[in-house]
Amino acid sequence: IYVHENRVSEAESFRRAIKVFQQLSAFAPPEKRFRMIAVSWPTPRIGHRQRPDVQIKAQRSEVHGFYLAWLVDQIHPDVPISLFGDSYGPRMITASLHCLAGGSIRGQYLSQRTNPTRRPVRAVFMAAALDAHWLSPGQRYGLALSQVEHMLVTVNPTDEALRWYPRMYTLLPKGASALGYVGLPSRCLGGENGGKVVQWNVSCIVGRTHSWEVYEGSSRIMQQITPHLFGA
């Protein structure tokens, strides 16, 4: 299941999904047949100022995590599922996994479950635009990792867009850092969840950009993430 980032039209999201599907097909093990679902959510730019737009989209991506959780809940519990995306895509995915674990998303719960127990999922987060500490126990989406078999998180401490992520909350540089900028905190990597997560510094590949082309559009990156998606 692929989730795109901010400011992507519905038509563009599906054009992009075709390219991503072709790359995954090229790099997936021959015995791995798969179906890819592209999730589109409303991301047209709002207004002319940058900060209000990213604030609204941050909230919107989390709210749509409820619908992604509902979708995953409809799939047979024995079907292996992998979720991946970039920027606000991982934000939606994290919210959905927390919801599947019984948590809430801005007060919403999956009150009626189709498949209350299911096999854990695999996930790949690229340039993730969510607070780095949210996956820690007791935090906003602290139940998410309980639904995960394996997770790859790309980290880029030179990403110019994620460098300004703390300013989304306050004009002072005191807000939380983005997961894709600093990686998971050490308290997230201990205990039963520690062995589930692999972090990969991609700054030498993508440089300072936050653009999707250097992630989903890069054959080198897609080749590297494919084993994490398919468990090969």
Protein backbone atom coordinates (compact mmCIF):
# COMPACT_ATOMS: atom_id res chain seq x y z
CA ILE A 1 0.00 0.00 0.00
CA TYR A 2 1.57 3.27 -1.20
CA VAL A 3 0.76 6.68 0.33
CA HIS A 4 1.97 9.88 -1.35
CA GLU A 5 3.09 13.15 0.22
CA ASN A 6 1.68 16.70 0.22
CA ARG A 7 0.67 18.65 -2.92
CA VAL A 8 0.01 15.74 -5.23
CA SER A 9 -3.11 15.69 -7.38
CA GLU A 10 -5.22 12.56 -7.60
CA ALA A 11 -4.28 12.07 -11.25
CA GLU A 12 -0.58 12.54 -10.51
CA SER A 13 -0.71 10.13 -7.57
CA PHE A 14 -1.93 7.31 -9.81
CA ARG A 15 0.52 8.15 -12.62
CA ARG A 16 3.28 7.99 -10.06
CA ALA A 17 1.92 4.74 -8.62
CA ILE A 18 2.33 3.06 -12.01
CA LYS A 19 6.00 4.02 -12.09
CA VAL A 20 6.55 2.84 -8.52
CA PHE A 21 4.78 -0.44 -9.30
CA GLN A 22 7.05 -0.99 -12.32
CA GLN A 23 10.16 -0.39 -10.24
CA LEU A 24 9.04 -2.72 -7.47
CA SER A 25 8.20 -5.37 -10.06
CA ALA A 26 11.69 -5.05 -11.54
CA PHE A 27 13.45 -5.49 -8.19
CA ALA A 28 11.12 -7.90 -6.37
CA PRO A 29 12.21 -11.54 -6.09
CA PRO A 30 10.80 -13.63 -8.98
CA GLU A 31 8.60 -15.67 -6.64
CA LYS A 32 7.03 -12.55 -5.08
CA ARG A 33 3.77 -11.71 -6.83
CA PHE A 34 1.97 -8.71 -5.38
CA ARG A 35 -0.86 -6.24 -5.79
CA MET A 36 -0.19 -2.57 -5.15
CA ILE A 37 -2.82 -0.21 -3.73
CA ALA A 38 -2.24 3.54 -4.13
CA VAL A 39 -4.00 5.66 -1.52
CA SER A 40 -4.83 9.19 -2.66
CA TRP A 41 -5.78 11.89 -0.17
CA PRO A 42 -6.65 15.60 -0.73
CA THR A 43 -3.41 17.61 -0.87
CA PRO A 44 -3.87 20.64 -3.21
CA ARG A 45 -2.07 23.69 -1.89
CA ILE A 46 -4.13 25.85 0.48
CA GLY A 47 -3.50 29.60 0.22
CA HIS A 48 -0.17 31.23 -0.60
CA ARG A 49 1.69 30.92 2.68
CA GLN A 50 3.78 27.84 3.34
CA ARG A 51 3.25 27.34 7.07
CA PRO A 52 -0.60 27.22 7.20
CA ASP A 53 -0.63 24.76 4.32
CA VAL A 54 1.75 22.27 5.93
CA GLN A 55 -0.05 22.61 9.28
CA ILE A 56 -3.43 21.75 7.73
CA LYS A 57 -1.97 18.88 5.70
CA ALA A 58 -0.23 17.48 8.77
CA GLN A 59 -3.60 17.22 10.53
CA ARG A 60 -5.35 15.97 7.41
CA SER A 61 -2.85 13.17 6.82
CA GLU A 62 -3.41 11.91 10.37
CA VAL A 63 -7.20 12.02 10.04
CA HIS A 64 -7.01 10.02 6.83
CA GLY A 65 -4.96 7.47 8.74
CA PHE A 66 -8.31 6.38 10.20
CA TYR A 67 -9.57 5.47 6.72
CA LEU A 68 -6.32 3.68 5.90
CA ALA A 69 -6.72 1.65 9.10
CA TRP A 70 -10.28 0.78 8.05
CA LEU A 71 -9.01 -0.36 4.65
CA VAL A 72 -6.30 -2.58 6.13
CA ASP A 73 -8.86 -4.05 8.53
CA GLN A 74 -10.95 -5.25 5.56
CA ILE A 75 -8.07 -7.32 4.14
CA HIS A 76 -7.87 -10.96 5.15
CA PRO A 77 -5.65 -11.19 8.26
CA ASP A 78 -3.34 -13.81 6.69
CA VAL A 79 -2.51 -11.66 3.66
CA PRO A 80 0.98 -10.12 4.01
CA ILE A 81 0.81 -6.32 3.86
CA SER A 82 3.54 -3.74 3.34
CA LEU A 83 2.96 0.02 3.66
CA PHE A 84 5.29 2.68 2.33
CA GLY A 85 5.42 6.32 1.35
CA ASP A 86 7.30 9.56 1.81
CA SER A 87 6.93 12.79 3.78
CA TYR A 88 3.34 12.92 5.09
CA GLY A 89 2.71 9.40 3.78
CA PRO A 90 4.49 7.81 6.79
CA ARG A 91 2.54 10.18 9.05
CA MET A 92 -0.71 8.68 7.78
CA ILE A 93 0.67 5.13 7.97
CA THR A 94 1.84 5.60 11.57
CA ALA A 95 -1.58 6.90 12.60
CA SER A 96 -3.30 3.96 10.90
CA LEU A 97 -1.10 1.37 12.65
CA HIS A 98 -1.74 2.99 16.02
CA CYS A 99 -5.47 2.85 15.28
CA LEU A 100 -5.26 -0.84 14.29
CA ALA A 101 -3.61 -1.51 17.65
CA GLY A 102 -6.64 -0.07 19.45
CA GLY A 103 -5.45 3.51 19.74
CA SER A 104 -7.28 6.65 18.67
CA ILE A 105 -6.65 9.22 15.95
CA ARG A 106 -7.86 12.62 17.14
CA GLY A 107 -10.61 10.91 19.15
CA GLN A 108 -11.62 8.37 16.49
CA TYR A 109 -11.43 4.62 17.11
CA LEU A 110 -12.11 1.60 14.94
CA SER A 111 -15.08 0.63 17.08
CA GLN A 112 -16.17 -2.26 14.84
CA ARG A 113 -13.38 -4.50 13.62
CA THR A 114 -13.59 -6.90 10.70
CA ASN A 115 -10.29 -8.62 11.56
CA PRO A 116 -9.28 -7.68 15.13
CA THR A 117 -6.15 -9.83 14.95
CA ARG A 118 -3.89 -10.01 11.94
CA ARG A 119 -0.31 -10.76 10.96
CA PRO A 120 2.07 -7.80 11.49
CA VAL A 121 2.90 -5.57 8.54
CA ARG A 122 6.13 -4.40 6.95
CA ALA A 123 6.73 -0.68 6.47
CA VAL A 124 9.15 1.66 4.71
CA PHE A 125 9.24 5.35 5.68
CA MET A 126 11.06 7.73 3.35
CA ALA A 127 11.72 11.35 4.44
CA ALA A 128 9.06 10.89 7.13
CA ALA A 129 7.40 14.15 8.22
CA LEU A 130 6.21 13.22 11.71
CA ASP A 131 7.59 13.89 15.17
CA ALA A 132 10.55 11.60 15.77
CA HIS A 133 9.38 10.58 19.27
CA TRP A 134 5.79 9.69 18.35
CA LEU A 135 6.56 5.98 18.01
CA SER A 136 7.96 5.80 21.53
CA PRO A 137 5.86 3.99 24.19
CA GLY A 138 3.22 6.26 25.68
CA GLN A 139 3.56 8.88 22.97
CA ARG A 140 1.04 10.02 20.33
CA TYR A 141 1.27 6.85 18.21
CA GLY A 142 3.11 4.67 20.66
CA LEU A 143 1.12 1.53 19.74
CA ALA A 144 2.09 1.60 16.06
CA LEU A 145 5.19 -0.59 16.32
CA SER A 146 3.15 -3.36 17.94
CA GLN A 147 1.59 -3.90 14.50
CA VAL A 148 4.93 -4.08 12.70
CA GLU A 149 7.05 -7.06 11.73
CA HIS A 150 9.81 -4.97 10.15
CA MET A 151 10.32 -1.27 9.41
CA LEU A 152 12.90 0.64 7.38
CA VAL A 153 13.29 4.37 8.15
CA THR A 154 15.40 6.55 5.88
CA VAL A 155 17.24 9.37 7.63
CA ASN A 156 18.64 12.48 5.97
CA PRO A 157 20.15 15.12 8.30
CA THR A 158 20.71 17.41 5.28
CA ASP A 159 17.05 17.53 4.13
CA GLU A 160 16.28 21.25 3.77
CA ALA A 161 12.49 20.85 4.11
CA LEU A 162 12.67 18.66 7.21
CA ARG A 163 15.22 21.03 8.76
CA TRP A 164 12.36 23.54 9.09
CA TYR A 165 9.90 20.95 10.44
CA PRO A 166 10.09 22.25 14.07
CA ARG A 167 8.79 25.63 12.85
CA MET A 168 5.50 24.00 11.90
CA TYR A 169 4.53 24.15 15.59
CA THR A 170 6.21 27.36 16.66
CA LEU A 171 8.12 30.18 15.02
CA LEU A 172 10.87 29.52 17.53
CA PRO A 173 13.22 26.61 16.68
CA LYS A 174 12.06 24.60 19.69
CA GLY A 175 9.54 22.23 18.13
CA ALA A 176 10.01 18.50 17.69
CA SER A 177 12.36 17.27 14.96
CA ALA A 178 11.11 15.13 12.09
CA LEU A 179 11.63 11.37 12.07
CA GLY A 180 13.15 11.54 8.59
CA TYR A 181 15.65 14.16 9.77
CA VAL A 182 16.99 12.71 13.04
CA GLY A 183 15.72 9.11 13.08
CA LEU A 184 14.09 7.23 15.93
CA PRO A 185 15.16 8.07 19.50
CA SER A 186 17.03 5.39 21.41
CA ARG A 187 14.04 4.68 23.70
CA CYS A 188 12.18 3.50 20.59
CA LEU A 189 14.88 1.00 19.68
CA GLY A 190 14.96 -0.98 22.92
CA GLY A 191 12.82 -3.84 24.15
CA GLU A 192 10.68 -6.00 21.91
CA ASN A 193 10.41 -3.35 19.18
CA GLY A 194 14.11 -2.63 18.89
CA GLY A 195 14.86 -5.45 16.48
CA LYS A 196 12.03 -4.46 14.15
CA VAL A 197 13.54 -1.21 12.94
CA VAL A 198 16.39 -0.57 10.51
CA GLN A 199 17.53 3.01 9.86
CA TRP A 200 19.36 4.04 6.70
CA ASN A 201 21.15 7.36 6.21
CA VAL A 202 20.47 8.34 2.59
CA SER A 203 22.06 11.80 2.60
CA CYS A 204 24.84 10.65 0.28
CA ILE A 205 22.20 9.66 -2.30
CA VAL A 206 19.55 12.36 -2.09
CA GLY A 207 21.50 15.34 -0.75
CA ARG A 208 19.51 18.28 0.59
CA THR A 209 16.32 17.70 -1.39
CA HIS A 210 12.96 16.50 -0.07
CA SER A 211 11.62 15.79 -3.56
CA TRP A 212 9.85 12.52 -4.28
CA GLU A 213 11.84 12.03 -7.49
CA VAL A 214 14.97 11.16 -5.56
CA TYR A 215 13.08 8.57 -3.51
CA GLU A 216 10.36 6.82 -5.51
CA GLY A 217 11.99 8.10 -8.73
CA SER A 218 15.41 6.65 -7.88
CA SER A 219 16.09 3.14 -9.09
CA ARG A 220 18.91 2.86 -6.57
CA ILE A 221 16.65 3.63 -3.61
CA MET A 222 13.78 1.50 -4.89
CA GLN A 223 16.16 -1.42 -5.35
CA GLN A 224 17.33 -1.03 -1.75
CA ILE A 225 13.87 -0.75 -0.18
CA THR A 226 12.28 -3.64 -2.09
CA PRO A 227 13.75 -6.41 0.14
CA HIS A 228 12.38 -4.57 3.19
CA LEU A 229 8.91 -4.50 1.64
CA PHE A 230 8.89 -8.13 0.56
CA GLY A 231 10.84 -9.71 3.37
CA ALA A 232 13.50 -11.05 1.04
